[in-house]
Amino acid sequence: MSLMPPPGRNKAIICYITFVGLLIAMSMNSNEKHPFATAHIKNMFGITLLWIVSKVFVEYINLILGELFFWTSIGLLIYSLISAVKNKKPDLPYLTAWFEKWFTFLD
């Protein structure tokens, strides 16, 4: 049993450090693609979009629903960061499969 981290682990962890970390990880992964990092980058891209939607809801639509989306995105970010640190692929129910399908431009 190998205890070596998967290739691209550092990129996967960096992508969860705010929006700037996502951009840095995307840039780093563009030169040398790692499937582990790509999966986490797609996951963080989806979480970032959820966070943006939450801010739109708070400002223009419904404060309570926006706050729900905001705290959900924070929880998903923390859960996904922990999975990256533990060398696991992202596994958010329903969302990970959708993010993999929708964000193929990040491959």
N, C-alpha and C. Protein backbone atom coordinates (compact mmCIF):
# COMPACT_ATOMS: atom_id res chain seq x y z
N MET A 1 0.84 -1.18 0.00
CA MET A 1 0.00 0.00 0.00
C MET A 1 0.88 1.24 0.00
N SER A 2 0.68 2.11 -0.94
CA SER A 2 1.50 3.30 -1.09
C SER A 2 0.90 4.47 -0.30
N LEU A 3 1.76 5.16 0.40
CA LEU A 3 1.33 6.33 1.17
C LEU A 3 1.66 7.63 0.44
N MET A 4 2.08 7.50 -0.79
CA MET A 4 2.42 8.69 -1.58
C MET A 4 1.14 9.45 -1.94
N PRO A 5 1.19 10.76 -1.83
CA PRO A 5 0.01 11.54 -2.24
C PRO A 5 -0.16 11.48 -3.76
N PRO A 6 -1.39 11.63 -4.23
CA PRO A 6 -1.61 11.59 -5.68
C PRO A 6 -0.97 12.79 -6.36
N PRO A 7 -0.54 12.63 -7.62
CA PRO A 7 0.01 13.78 -8.34
C PRO A 7 -1.03 14.89 -8.43
N GLY A 8 -0.61 16.10 -8.17
CA GLY A 8 -1.50 17.24 -8.24
C GLY A 8 -2.17 17.58 -6.92
N ARG A 9 -1.78 16.91 -5.84
CA ARG A 9 -2.41 17.16 -4.55
C ARG A 9 -2.25 18.60 -4.11
N ASN A 10 -1.06 19.16 -4.27
CA ASN A 10 -0.84 20.56 -3.85
C ASN A 10 -1.73 21.51 -4.63
N LYS A 11 -1.91 21.27 -5.91
CA LYS A 11 -2.80 22.10 -6.72
C LYS A 11 -4.24 21.99 -6.22
N ALA A 12 -4.63 20.77 -5.84
CA ALA A 12 -5.99 20.55 -5.34
C ALA A 12 -6.21 21.32 -4.05
N ILE A 13 -5.23 21.35 -3.19
CA ILE A 13 -5.37 22.08 -1.92
C ILE A 13 -5.36 23.58 -2.17
N ILE A 14 -4.49 24.05 -3.05
CA ILE A 14 -4.39 25.48 -3.35
C ILE A 14 -5.70 26.01 -3.92
N CYS A 15 -6.40 25.22 -4.71
CA CYS A 15 -7.62 25.71 -5.35
C CYS A 15 -8.69 26.09 -4.34
N TYR A 16 -8.63 25.56 -3.12
CA TYR A 16 -9.64 25.88 -2.11
C TYR A 16 -9.29 27.12 -1.29
N ILE A 17 -8.21 27.79 -1.62
CA ILE A 17 -7.83 29.00 -0.89
C ILE A 17 -8.36 30.21 -1.65
N THR A 18 -9.58 30.54 -1.42
CA THR A 18 -10.30 31.66 -2.02
C THR A 18 -10.32 31.59 -3.54
N PHE A 19 -10.88 32.60 -4.14
CA PHE A 19 -10.98 32.67 -5.59
C PHE A 19 -9.60 32.79 -6.24
N VAL A 20 -8.70 33.50 -5.59
CA VAL A 20 -7.34 33.66 -6.13
C VAL A 20 -6.63 32.32 -6.17
N GLY A 21 -6.81 31.51 -5.14
CA GLY A 21 -6.22 30.17 -5.14
C GLY A 21 -6.75 29.31 -6.27
N LEU A 22 -8.04 29.47 -6.58
CA LEU A 22 -8.63 28.74 -7.70
C LEU A 22 -7.95 29.14 -9.01
N LEU A 23 -7.75 30.44 -9.21
CA LEU A 23 -7.08 30.91 -10.43
C LEU A 23 -5.64 30.42 -10.50
N ILE A 24 -4.95 30.44 -9.38
CA ILE A 24 -3.56 29.96 -9.34
C ILE A 24 -3.50 28.47 -9.68
N ALA A 25 -4.39 27.68 -9.07
CA ALA A 25 -4.40 26.24 -9.34
C ALA A 25 -4.76 25.95 -10.79
N MET A 26 -5.70 26.72 -11.35
CA MET A 26 -6.06 26.53 -12.77
C MET A 26 -4.85 26.82 -13.65
N SER A 27 -4.11 27.86 -13.32
CA SER A 27 -2.92 28.21 -14.09
C SER A 27 -1.85 27.12 -13.97
N MET A 28 -1.63 26.66 -12.75
CA MET A 28 -0.62 25.62 -12.52
C MET A 28 -1.00 24.32 -13.24
N ASN A 29 -2.28 24.00 -13.26
CA ASN A 29 -2.74 22.75 -13.86
C ASN A 29 -2.81 22.83 -15.38
N SER A 30 -2.74 24.03 -15.94
CA SER A 30 -2.82 24.15 -17.40
C SER A 30 -1.56 23.61 -18.09
N ASN A 31 -0.43 23.69 -17.43
CA ASN A 31 0.82 23.21 -18.02
C ASN A 31 0.93 21.68 -17.94
N GLU A 32 0.73 21.15 -16.76
CA GLU A 32 0.85 19.71 -16.56
C GLU A 32 -0.43 19.24 -15.87
N LYS A 33 -1.30 18.60 -16.64
CA LYS A 33 -2.61 18.19 -16.14
C LYS A 33 -2.49 17.00 -15.19
N HIS A 34 -3.18 17.11 -14.07
CA HIS A 34 -3.31 16.00 -13.13
C HIS A 34 -4.80 15.77 -12.89
N PRO A 35 -5.29 14.55 -13.12
CA PRO A 35 -6.72 14.29 -12.95
C PRO A 35 -7.23 14.60 -11.55
N PHE A 36 -6.42 14.33 -10.53
CA PHE A 36 -6.83 14.61 -9.15
C PHE A 36 -7.05 16.11 -8.96
N ALA A 37 -6.11 16.91 -9.42
CA ALA A 37 -6.23 18.36 -9.30
C ALA A 37 -7.38 18.89 -10.15
N THR A 38 -7.53 18.36 -11.35
CA THR A 38 -8.61 18.81 -12.24
C THR A 38 -9.97 18.58 -11.60
N ALA A 39 -10.16 17.42 -10.97
CA ALA A 39 -11.43 17.13 -10.32
C ALA A 39 -11.71 18.12 -9.20
N HIS A 40 -10.70 18.45 -8.42
CA HIS A 40 -10.89 19.40 -7.32
C HIS A 40 -11.08 20.83 -7.84
N ILE A 41 -10.42 21.17 -8.93
CA ILE A 41 -10.60 22.50 -9.51
C ILE A 41 -12.02 22.66 -10.03
N LYS A 42 -12.54 21.64 -10.69
CA LYS A 42 -13.93 21.69 -11.15
C LYS A 42 -14.89 21.83 -9.97
N ASN A 43 -14.60 21.11 -8.91
CA ASN A 43 -15.43 21.16 -7.71
C ASN A 43 -15.41 22.58 -7.12
N MET A 44 -14.24 23.17 -6.98
CA MET A 44 -14.15 24.51 -6.42
C MET A 44 -14.78 25.55 -7.34
N PHE A 45 -14.68 25.35 -8.64
CA PHE A 45 -15.31 26.26 -9.59
C PHE A 45 -16.83 26.27 -9.36
N GLY A 46 -17.41 25.09 -9.18
CA GLY A 46 -18.84 24.99 -8.91
C GLY A 46 -19.22 25.61 -7.57
N ILE A 47 -18.40 25.39 -6.55
CA ILE A 47 -18.66 25.99 -5.24
C ILE A 47 -18.56 27.51 -5.32
N THR A 48 -17.61 28.01 -6.08
CA THR A 48 -17.46 29.46 -6.26
C THR A 48 -18.69 30.04 -6.95
N LEU A 49 -19.21 29.34 -7.96
CA LEU A 49 -20.44 29.82 -8.61
C LEU A 49 -21.61 29.82 -7.64
N LEU A 50 -21.69 28.81 -6.79
CA LEU A 50 -22.75 28.78 -5.77
C LEU A 50 -22.61 29.96 -4.82
N TRP A 51 -21.38 30.30 -4.45
CA TRP A 51 -21.13 31.43 -3.57
C TRP A 51 -21.58 32.74 -4.25
N ILE A 52 -21.27 32.88 -5.54
CA ILE A 52 -21.69 34.09 -6.28
C ILE A 52 -23.21 34.16 -6.35
N VAL A 53 -23.85 33.03 -6.60
CA VAL A 53 -25.32 33.00 -6.62
C VAL A 53 -25.87 33.40 -5.26
N SER A 54 -25.23 32.96 -4.19
CA SER A 54 -25.70 33.32 -2.85
C SER A 54 -25.64 34.83 -2.64
N LYS A 55 -24.61 35.46 -3.13
CA LYS A 55 -24.48 36.92 -2.98
C LYS A 55 -25.55 37.64 -3.80
N VAL A 56 -25.86 37.15 -4.98
CA VAL A 56 -26.93 37.74 -5.79
C VAL A 56 -28.27 37.59 -5.07
N PHE A 57 -28.52 36.42 -4.52
CA PHE A 57 -29.77 36.20 -3.79
C PHE A 57 -29.88 37.13 -2.58
N VAL A 58 -28.78 37.29 -1.84
CA VAL A 58 -28.81 38.16 -0.66
C VAL A 58 -29.15 39.59 -1.07
N GLU A 59 -28.56 40.08 -2.14
CA GLU A 59 -28.75 41.48 -2.55
C GLU A 59 -30.08 41.74 -3.23
N TYR A 60 -30.51 40.81 -4.09
CA TYR A 60 -31.62 41.14 -4.99
C TYR A 60 -32.87 40.27 -4.86
N ILE A 61 -32.77 39.08 -4.26
CA ILE A 61 -33.91 38.17 -4.34
C ILE A 61 -34.47 37.87 -2.95
N ASN A 62 -33.73 37.13 -2.14
CA ASN A 62 -34.25 36.70 -0.85
C ASN A 62 -33.08 36.53 0.11
N LEU A 63 -33.08 37.30 1.18
CA LEU A 63 -31.98 37.28 2.14
C LEU A 63 -31.79 35.91 2.77
N ILE A 64 -32.86 35.29 3.20
CA ILE A 64 -32.75 34.00 3.90
C ILE A 64 -32.24 32.91 2.97
N LEU A 65 -32.78 32.84 1.76
CA LEU A 65 -32.32 31.85 0.79
C LEU A 65 -30.86 32.11 0.41
N GLY A 66 -30.49 33.36 0.26
CA GLY A 66 -29.10 33.71 -0.05
C GLY A 66 -28.16 33.29 1.06
N GLU A 67 -28.57 33.51 2.31
CA GLU A 67 -27.74 33.08 3.44
C GLU A 67 -27.61 31.56 3.48
N LEU A 68 -28.70 30.87 3.16
CA LEU A 68 -28.65 29.41 3.10
C LEU A 68 -27.65 28.94 2.05
N PHE A 69 -27.69 29.53 0.86
CA PHE A 69 -26.72 29.20 -0.19
C PHE A 69 -25.30 29.53 0.25
N PHE A 70 -25.12 30.67 0.92
CA PHE A 70 -23.80 31.08 1.37
C PHE A 70 -23.21 30.06 2.34
N TRP A 71 -23.95 29.71 3.37
CA TRP A 71 -23.43 28.78 4.37
C TRP A 71 -23.28 27.38 3.80
N THR A 72 -24.12 27.03 2.84
CA THR A 72 -23.95 25.74 2.16
C THR A 72 -22.64 25.73 1.38
N SER A 73 -22.35 26.82 0.67
CA SER A 73 -21.10 26.87 -0.11
C SER A 73 -19.88 26.83 0.82
N ILE A 74 -19.96 27.47 1.97
CA ILE A 74 -18.84 27.43 2.93
C ILE A 74 -18.65 26.00 3.44
N GLY A 75 -19.75 25.33 3.78
CA GLY A 75 -19.66 23.95 4.25
C GLY A 75 -19.10 23.01 3.19
N LEU A 76 -19.54 23.20 1.94
CA LEU A 76 -19.02 22.37 0.85
C LEU A 76 -17.54 22.63 0.61
N LEU A 77 -17.12 23.87 0.74
CA LEU A 77 -15.71 24.21 0.57
C LEU A 77 -14.87 23.52 1.64
N ILE A 78 -15.29 23.59 2.89
CA ILE A 78 -14.53 22.96 3.97
C ILE A 78 -14.49 21.45 3.79
N TYR A 79 -15.63 20.85 3.46
CA TYR A 79 -15.68 19.40 3.24
C TYR A 79 -14.76 18.99 2.09
N SER A 80 -14.77 19.75 1.01
CA SER A 80 -13.93 19.42 -0.15
C SER A 80 -12.45 19.62 0.15
N LEU A 81 -12.12 20.66 0.91
CA LEU A 81 -10.72 20.87 1.30
C LEU A 81 -10.22 19.70 2.13
N ILE A 82 -11.04 19.24 3.06
CA ILE A 82 -10.65 18.09 3.88
C ILE A 82 -10.45 16.86 3.01
N SER A 83 -11.29 16.65 2.02
CA SER A 83 -11.11 15.49 1.14
C SER A 83 -9.83 15.61 0.31
N ALA A 84 -9.47 16.82 -0.09
CA ALA A 84 -8.21 17.01 -0.83
C ALA A 84 -7.01 16.73 0.07
N VAL A 85 -7.07 17.18 1.31
CA VAL A 85 -5.97 16.94 2.25
C VAL A 85 -5.84 15.44 2.53
N LYS A 86 -6.96 14.73 2.56
CA LYS A 86 -6.95 13.29 2.81
C LYS A 86 -6.70 12.47 1.55
N ASN A 87 -6.33 13.12 0.46
CA ASN A 87 -6.01 12.45 -0.82
C ASN A 87 -7.21 11.74 -1.43
N LYS A 88 -8.40 12.28 -1.22
CA LYS A 88 -9.62 11.69 -1.80
C LYS A 88 -10.16 12.60 -2.89
N LYS A 89 -10.75 11.97 -3.89
CA LYS A 89 -11.41 12.75 -4.94
C LYS A 89 -12.64 13.42 -4.35
N PRO A 90 -13.07 14.55 -4.93
CA PRO A 90 -14.28 15.20 -4.41
C PRO A 90 -15.48 14.29 -4.56
N ASP A 91 -16.34 14.29 -3.56
CA ASP A 91 -17.48 13.38 -3.59
C ASP A 91 -18.74 14.03 -3.01
N LEU A 92 -19.03 15.23 -3.44
CA LEU A 92 -20.25 15.89 -3.01
C LEU A 92 -21.44 15.21 -3.68
N PRO A 93 -22.45 14.80 -2.90
CA PRO A 93 -23.59 14.12 -3.51
C PRO A 93 -24.23 14.97 -4.61
N TYR A 94 -24.46 14.37 -5.74
CA TYR A 94 -25.07 14.99 -6.92
C TYR A 94 -24.17 16.08 -7.53
N LEU A 95 -23.66 16.96 -6.74
CA LEU A 95 -22.94 18.13 -7.27
C LEU A 95 -21.67 17.75 -8.01
N THR A 96 -20.87 16.84 -7.47
CA THR A 96 -19.61 16.49 -8.11
C THR A 96 -19.85 15.93 -9.51
N ALA A 97 -20.84 15.09 -9.66
CA ALA A 97 -21.15 14.52 -10.99
C ALA A 97 -21.57 15.63 -11.95
N TRP A 98 -22.39 16.56 -11.48
CA TRP A 98 -22.81 17.68 -12.32
C TRP A 98 -21.62 18.57 -12.68
N PHE A 99 -20.77 18.87 -11.72
CA PHE A 99 -19.61 19.72 -11.98
C PHE A 99 -18.69 19.07 -13.00
N GLU A 100 -18.49 17.76 -12.90
CA GLU A 100 -17.65 17.04 -13.86
C GLU A 100 -18.23 17.14 -15.27
N LYS A 101 -19.55 17.09 -15.38
CA LYS A 101 -20.20 17.14 -16.68
C LYS A 101 -20.24 18.57 -17.23
N TRP A 102 -20.53 19.54 -16.39
CA TRP A 102 -20.71 20.92 -16.84
C TRP A 102 -19.39 21.63 -17.16
N PHE A 103 -18.35 21.38 -16.39
CA PHE A 103 -17.13 22.15 -16.50
C PHE A 103 -16.02 21.41 -17.24
N THR A 104 -16.37 20.82 -18.38
CA THR A 104 -15.38 20.09 -19.17
C THR A 104 -14.33 21.02 -19.77
N PHE A 105 -14.62 22.31 -19.86
CA PHE A 105 -13.63 23.26 -20.39
C PHE A 105 -12.43 23.38 -19.47
N LEU A 106 -12.51 22.87 -18.25
CA LEU A 106 -11.39 22.92 -17.32
C LEU A 106 -10.48 21.70 -17.45
N ASP A 107 -10.85 20.74 -18.31
CA ASP A 107 -10.01 19.55 -18.52
C ASP A 107 -8.69 19.91 -19.15
